[in-house]
């Protein structure tokens, strides 16, 4: 996935304040697709982790 697409995915998670298990699995799969983490991918991980740590994004269970 391109860096722009990864950024858009993280933006989507930040906008709705929720991270579902499905989104998390998609995020992980895209990050690990090529077997390496680029600097930009690491930045997106940091953005998401910071938002979770600050309470701006919550991991939710789907019904």
PDB file of N, CA and C in Angstrom:
ATOM      1  N   UNK A   1       0.857  -1.180   0.000  1.00  0.00           N
ATOM      2  CA  UNK A   1       0.000   0.000   0.000  1.00  0.00           C
ATOM      3  C   UNK A   1       0.890   1.224   0.000  1.00  0.00           C
ATOM      4  N   UNK A   2       0.471   2.224  -0.705  1.00  0.00           N
ATOM      5  CA  UNK A   2       1.277   3.436  -0.762  1.00  0.00           C
ATOM      6  C   UNK A   2       1.207   4.187   0.561  1.00  0.00           C
ATOM      7  N   UNK A   3       2.196   5.042   0.751  1.00  0.00           N
ATOM      8  CA  UNK A   3       2.238   5.849   1.967  1.00  0.00           C
ATOM      9  C   UNK A   3       0.992   6.718   2.075  1.00  0.00           C
ATOM     10  N   UNK A   4       0.533   7.252   0.953  1.00  0.00           N
ATOM     11  CA  UNK A   4      -0.674   8.089   0.967  1.00  0.00           C
ATOM     12  C   UNK A   4      -1.884   7.290   1.417  1.00  0.00           C
ATOM     13  N   UNK A   5      -1.989   6.049   0.953  1.00  0.00           N
ATOM     14  CA  UNK A   5      -3.106   5.205   1.352  1.00  0.00           C
ATOM     15  C   UNK A   5      -3.025   4.850   2.831  1.00  0.00           C
ATOM     16  N   UNK A   6      -1.819   4.596   3.324  1.00  0.00           N
ATOM     17  CA  UNK A   6      -1.648   4.293   4.749  1.00  0.00           C
ATOM     18  C   UNK A   6      -2.026   5.508   5.580  1.00  0.00           C
ATOM     19  N   UNK A   7      -1.611   6.674   5.129  1.00  0.00           N
ATOM     20  CA  UNK A   7      -1.950   7.904   5.839  1.00  0.00           C
ATOM     21  C   UNK A   7      -3.464   8.111   5.838  1.00  0.00           C
ATOM     22  N   UNK A   8      -4.115   7.827   4.716  1.00  0.00           N
ATOM     23  CA  UNK A   8      -5.569   7.963   4.626  1.00  0.00           C
ATOM     24  C   UNK A   8      -6.266   6.989   5.569  1.00  0.00           C
ATOM     25  N   UNK A   9      -5.750   5.767   5.683  1.00  0.00           N
ATOM     26  CA  UNK A   9      -6.325   4.778   6.590  1.00  0.00           C
ATOM     27  C   UNK A   9      -6.212   5.254   8.037  1.00  0.00           C
ATOM     28  N   UNK A  10      -5.058   5.765   8.415  1.00  0.00           N
ATOM     29  CA  UNK A  10      -4.873   6.280   9.773  1.00  0.00           C
ATOM     30  C   UNK A  10      -5.759   7.504   9.987  1.00  0.00           C
ATOM     31  N   UNK A  11      -5.841   8.375   8.996  1.00  0.00           N
ATOM     32  CA  UNK A  11      -6.718   9.547   9.098  1.00  0.00           C
ATOM     33  C   UNK A  11      -8.162   9.123   9.365  1.00  0.00           C
ATOM     34  N   UNK A  12      -8.601   8.070   8.678  1.00  0.00           N
ATOM     35  CA  UNK A  12      -9.964   7.558   8.858  1.00  0.00           C
ATOM     36  C   UNK A  12     -10.176   7.073  10.291  1.00  0.00           C
ATOM     37  N   UNK A  13      -9.191   6.358  10.821  1.00  0.00           N
ATOM     38  CA  UNK A  13      -9.289   5.862  12.196  1.00  0.00           C
ATOM     39  C   UNK A  13      -9.322   7.015  13.193  1.00  0.00           C
ATOM     40  N   UNK A  14      -8.512   8.030  12.938  1.00  0.00           N
ATOM     41  CA  UNK A  14      -8.471   9.184  13.833  1.00  0.00           C
ATOM     42  C   UNK A  14      -9.773   9.978  13.756  1.00  0.00           C
ATOM     43  N   UNK A  15     -10.351  10.072  12.571  1.00  0.00           N
ATOM     44  CA  UNK A  15     -11.565  10.868  12.382  1.00  0.00           C
ATOM     45  C   UNK A  15     -12.756  10.294  13.141  1.00  0.00           C
ATOM     46  N   UNK A  16     -12.908   8.961  13.107  1.00  0.00           N
ATOM     47  CA  UNK A  16     -14.072   8.393  13.797  1.00  0.00           C
ATOM     48  C   UNK A  16     -13.773   7.999  15.239  1.00  0.00           C
ATOM     49  N   UNK A  17     -12.497   8.053  15.628  1.00  0.00           N
ATOM     50  CA  UNK A  17     -12.133   7.791  17.022  1.00  0.00           C
ATOM     51  C   UNK A  17     -12.234   6.344  17.441  1.00  0.00           C
ATOM     52  N   UNK A  18     -12.417   5.460  16.460  1.00  0.00           N
ATOM     53  CA  UNK A  18     -12.550   4.038  16.764  1.00  0.00           C
ATOM     54  C   UNK A  18     -11.610   3.225  15.886  1.00  0.00           C
ATOM     55  N   UNK A  19     -11.151   2.130  16.449  1.00  0.00           N
ATOM     56  CA  UNK A  19     -10.333   1.179  15.703  1.00  0.00           C
ATOM     57  C   UNK A  19     -10.943  -0.192  15.925  1.00  0.00           C
ATOM     58  N   UNK A  20     -11.537  -0.736  14.880  1.00  0.00           N
ATOM     59  CA  UNK A  20     -12.138  -2.063  14.988  1.00  0.00           C
ATOM     60  C   UNK A  20     -11.064  -3.121  14.765  1.00  0.00           C
ATOM     61  N   UNK A  21     -11.368  -4.329  15.163  1.00  0.00           N
ATOM     62  CA  UNK A  21     -10.431  -5.435  14.934  1.00  0.00           C
ATOM     63  C   UNK A  21     -10.184  -5.617  13.438  1.00  0.00           C
ATOM     64  N   UNK A  22     -11.217  -5.439  12.644  1.00  0.00           N
ATOM     65  CA  UNK A  22     -11.073  -5.578  11.190  1.00  0.00           C
ATOM     66  C   UNK A  22     -10.113  -4.522  10.640  1.00  0.00           C
ATOM     67  N   UNK A  23     -10.260  -3.272  11.091  1.00  0.00           N
ATOM     68  CA  UNK A  23      -9.357  -2.209  10.650  1.00  0.00           C
ATOM     69  C   UNK A  23      -7.928  -2.499  11.100  1.00  0.00           C
ATOM     70  N   UNK A  24      -7.792  -2.987  12.318  1.00  0.00           N
ATOM     71  CA  UNK A  24      -6.465  -3.305  12.842  1.00  0.00           C
ATOM     72  C   UNK A  24      -5.798  -4.401  12.018  1.00  0.00           C
ATOM     73  N   UNK A  25      -6.551  -5.435  11.681  1.00  0.00           N
ATOM     74  CA  UNK A  25      -5.999  -6.518  10.859  1.00  0.00           C
ATOM     75  C   UNK A  25      -5.582  -6.002   9.481  1.00  0.00           C
ATOM     76  N   UNK A  26      -6.419  -5.155   8.892  1.00  0.00           N
ATOM     77  CA  UNK A  26      -6.091  -4.564   7.577  1.00  0.00           C
ATOM     78  C   UNK A  26      -4.826  -3.718   7.671  1.00  0.00           C
ATOM     79  N   UNK A  27      -4.754  -2.909   8.722  1.00  0.00           N
ATOM     80  CA  UNK A  27      -3.597  -2.047   8.958  1.00  0.00           C
ATOM     81  C   UNK A  27      -2.325  -2.890   9.091  1.00  0.00           C
ATOM     82  N   UNK A  28      -2.390  -3.930   9.914  1.00  0.00           N
ATOM     83  CA  UNK A  28      -1.227  -4.803  10.111  1.00  0.00           C
ATOM     84  C   UNK A  28      -0.816  -5.481   8.809  1.00  0.00           C
ATOM     85  N   UNK A  29      -1.781  -5.999   8.079  1.00  0.00           N
ATOM     86  CA  UNK A  29      -1.481  -6.694   6.823  1.00  0.00           C
ATOM     87  C   UNK A  29      -0.807  -5.765   5.825  1.00  0.00           C
ATOM     88  N   UNK A  30      -1.302  -4.546   5.722  1.00  0.00           N
ATOM     89  CA  UNK A  30      -0.719  -3.585   4.786  1.00  0.00           C
ATOM     90  C   UNK A  30       0.688  -3.183   5.213  1.00  0.00           C
ATOM     91  N   UNK A  31       0.876  -3.010   6.507  1.00  0.00           N
ATOM     92  CA  UNK A  31       2.192  -2.608   7.012  1.00  0.00           C
ATOM     93  C   UNK A  31       3.246  -3.682   6.756  1.00  0.00           C
ATOM     94  N   UNK A  32       2.833  -4.928   6.868  1.00  0.00           N
ATOM     95  CA  UNK A  32       3.789  -6.027   6.766  1.00  0.00           C
ATOM     96  C   UNK A  32       3.816  -6.684   5.388  1.00  0.00           C
ATOM     97  N   UNK A  33       3.088  -6.139   4.437  1.00  0.00           N
ATOM     98  CA  UNK A  33       2.940  -6.761   3.120  1.00  0.00           C
ATOM     99  C   UNK A  33       4.264  -7.004   2.408  1.00  0.00           C
ATOM    100  N   UNK A  34       5.189  -6.068   2.492  1.00  0.00           N
ATOM    101  CA  UNK A  34       6.454  -6.237   1.781  1.00  0.00           C
ATOM    102  C   UNK A  34       7.578  -6.751   2.682  1.00  0.00           C
ATOM    103  N   UNK A  35       7.248  -7.071   3.923  1.00  0.00           N
ATOM    104  CA  UNK A  35       8.246  -7.633   4.831  1.00  0.00           C
ATOM    105  C   UNK A  35       9.149  -6.613   5.495  1.00  0.00           C
ATOM    106  N   UNK A  36       8.952  -5.352   5.193  1.00  0.00           N
ATOM    107  CA  UNK A  36       9.774  -4.292   5.786  1.00  0.00           C
ATOM    108  C   UNK A  36       8.885  -3.122   6.170  1.00  0.00           C
ATOM    109  N   UNK A  37       9.339  -2.355   7.147  1.00  0.00           N
ATOM    110  CA  UNK A  37       8.636  -1.129   7.526  1.00  0.00           C
ATOM    111  C   UNK A  37       9.472   0.063   7.100  1.00  0.00           C
ATOM    112  N   UNK A  38       8.887   0.892   6.268  1.00  0.00           N
ATOM    113  CA  UNK A  38       9.577   2.110   5.851  1.00  0.00           C
ATOM    114  C   UNK A  38       9.463   3.148   6.962  1.00  0.00           C
ATOM    115  N   UNK A  39      10.228   4.197   6.839  1.00  0.00           N
ATOM    116  CA  UNK A  39      10.166   5.288   7.812  1.00  0.00           C
ATOM    117  C   UNK A  39       8.765   5.897   7.836  1.00  0.00           C
ATOM    118  N   UNK A  40       8.165   6.069   6.670  1.00  0.00           N
ATOM    119  CA  UNK A  40       6.812   6.628   6.609  1.00  0.00           C
ATOM    120  C   UNK A  40       5.786   5.700   7.264  1.00  0.00           C
ATOM    121  N   UNK A  41       5.940   4.392   7.076  1.00  0.00           N
ATOM    122  CA  UNK A  41       5.034   3.447   7.724  1.00  0.00           C
ATOM    123  C   UNK A  41       5.201   3.506   9.240  1.00  0.00           C
ATOM    124  N   UNK A  42       6.425   3.636   9.696  1.00  0.00           N
ATOM    125  CA  UNK A  42       6.669   3.768  11.141  1.00  0.00           C
ATOM    126  C   UNK A  42       6.018   5.031  11.692  1.00  0.00           C
ATOM    127  N   UNK A  43       6.033   6.088  10.910  1.00  0.00           N
ATOM    128  CA  UNK A  43       5.383   7.339  11.336  1.00  0.00           C
ATOM    129  C   UNK A  43       3.875   7.143  11.492  1.00  0.00           C
ATOM    130  N   UNK A  44       3.281   6.391  10.584  1.00  0.00           N
ATOM    131  CA  UNK A  44       1.846   6.135  10.687  1.00  0.00           C
ATOM    132  C   UNK A  44       1.530   5.281  11.915  1.00  0.00           C
ATOM    133  N   UNK A  45       2.374   4.313  12.201  1.00  0.00           N
ATOM    134  CA  UNK A  45       2.205   3.507  13.414  1.00  0.00           C
ATOM    135  C   UNK A  45       2.285   4.410  14.639  1.00  0.00           C
ATOM    136  N   UNK A  46       3.271   5.291  14.660  1.00  0.00           N
ATOM    137  CA  UNK A  46       3.434   6.218  15.788  1.00  0.00           C
ATOM    138  C   UNK A  46       2.211   7.118  15.953  1.00  0.00           C
ATOM    139  N   UNK A  47       1.684   7.625  14.843  1.00  0.00           N
ATOM    140  CA  UNK A  47       0.476   8.472  14.909  1.00  0.00           C
ATOM    141  C   UNK A  47      -0.678   7.721  15.552  1.00  0.00           C
ATOM    142  N   UNK A  48      -0.869   6.479  15.112  1.00  0.00           N
ATOM    143  CA  UNK A  48      -1.980   5.689  15.630  1.00  0.00           C
ATOM    144  C   UNK A  48      -1.771   5.350  17.104  1.00  0.00           C
ATOM    145  N   UNK A  49      -0.570   4.921  17.466  1.00  0.00           N
ATOM    146  CA  UNK A  49      -0.298   4.581  18.864  1.00  0.00           C
ATOM    147  C   UNK A  49      -0.444   5.790  19.778  1.00  0.00           C
ATOM    148  N   UNK A  50      -0.005   6.939  19.315  1.00  0.00           N
ATOM    149  CA  UNK A  50      -0.135   8.161  20.109  1.00  0.00           C
ATOM    150  C   UNK A  50      -1.610   8.509  20.318  1.00  0.00           C
ATOM    151  N   UNK A  51      -2.405   8.362  19.275  1.00  0.00           N
ATOM    152  CA  UNK A  51      -3.836   8.652  19.386  1.00  0.00           C
ATOM    153  C   UNK A  51      -4.519   7.691  20.357  1.00  0.00           C
ATOM    154  N   UNK A  52      -4.119   6.425  20.337  1.00  0.00           N
ATOM    155  CA  UNK A  52      -4.673   5.445  21.272  1.00  0.00           C
ATOM    156  C   UNK A  52      -4.243   5.792  22.695  1.00  0.00           C
ATOM    157  N   UNK A  53      -2.966   6.088  22.878  1.00  0.00           N
ATOM    158  CA  UNK A  53      -2.438   6.412  24.207  1.00  0.00           C
ATOM    159  C   UNK A  53      -3.098   7.655  24.793  1.00  0.00           C
ATOM    160  N   UNK A  54      -3.420   8.620  23.938  1.00  0.00           N
ATOM    161  CA  UNK A  54      -4.035   9.866  24.399  1.00  0.00           C
ATOM    162  C   UNK A  54      -5.554   9.775  24.524  1.00  0.00           C
ATOM    163  N   UNK A  55      -6.110   8.627  24.166  1.00  0.00           N
ATOM    164  CA  UNK A  55      -7.552   8.440  24.278  1.00  0.00           C
ATOM    165  C   UNK A  55      -8.359   8.998  23.125  1.00  0.00           C
ATOM    166  N   UNK A  56      -7.693   9.419  22.063  1.00  0.00           N
ATOM    167  CA  UNK A  56      -8.401   9.961  20.900  1.00  0.00           C
ATOM    168  C   UNK A  56      -8.967   8.854  20.014  1.00  0.00           C
ATOM    169  N   UNK A  57      -8.368   7.667  20.112  1.00  0.00           N
ATOM    170  CA  UNK A  57      -8.846   6.497  19.371  1.00  0.00           C
ATOM    171  C   UNK A  57      -8.985   5.355  20.367  1.00  0.00           C
ATOM    172  N   UNK A  58     -10.097   4.638  20.265  1.00  0.00           N
ATOM    173  CA  UNK A  58     -10.371   3.511  21.142  1.00  0.00           C
ATOM    174  C   UNK A  58     -10.507   2.253  20.300  1.00  0.00           C
ATOM    175  N   UNK A  59      -9.907   1.171  20.759  1.00  0.00           N
ATOM    176  CA  UNK A  59     -10.074  -0.117  20.096  1.00  0.00           C
ATOM    177  C   UNK A  59     -11.422  -0.667  20.558  1.00  0.00           C
ATOM    178  N   UNK A  60     -12.292  -0.965  19.603  1.00  0.00           N
ATOM    179  CA  UNK A  60     -13.645  -1.416  19.931  1.00  0.00           C
ATOM    180  C   UNK A  60     -13.889  -2.820  19.399  1.00  0.00           C
ATOM    181  N   UNK A  61     -14.762  -3.529  20.102  1.00  0.00           N
ATOM    182  CA  UNK A  61     -15.201  -4.851  19.661  1.00  0.00           C
ATOM    183  C   UNK A  61     -16.411  -4.667  18.761  1.00  0.00           C
ATOM    184  N   UNK A  62     -16.430  -5.387  17.689  1.00  0.00           N
ATOM    185  CA  UNK A  62     -17.577  -5.329  16.784  1.00  0.00           C
ATOM    186  C   UNK A  62     -18.632  -6.315  17.268  1.00  0.00           C
ATOM    187  N   UNK A  63     -19.905  -5.955  17.112  1.00  0.00           N
ATOM    188  CA  UNK A  63     -20.989  -6.854  17.576  1.00  0.00           C
ATOM    189  C   UNK A  63     -21.055  -8.127  16.770  1.00  0.00           C
TER     190      UNK A  63
END
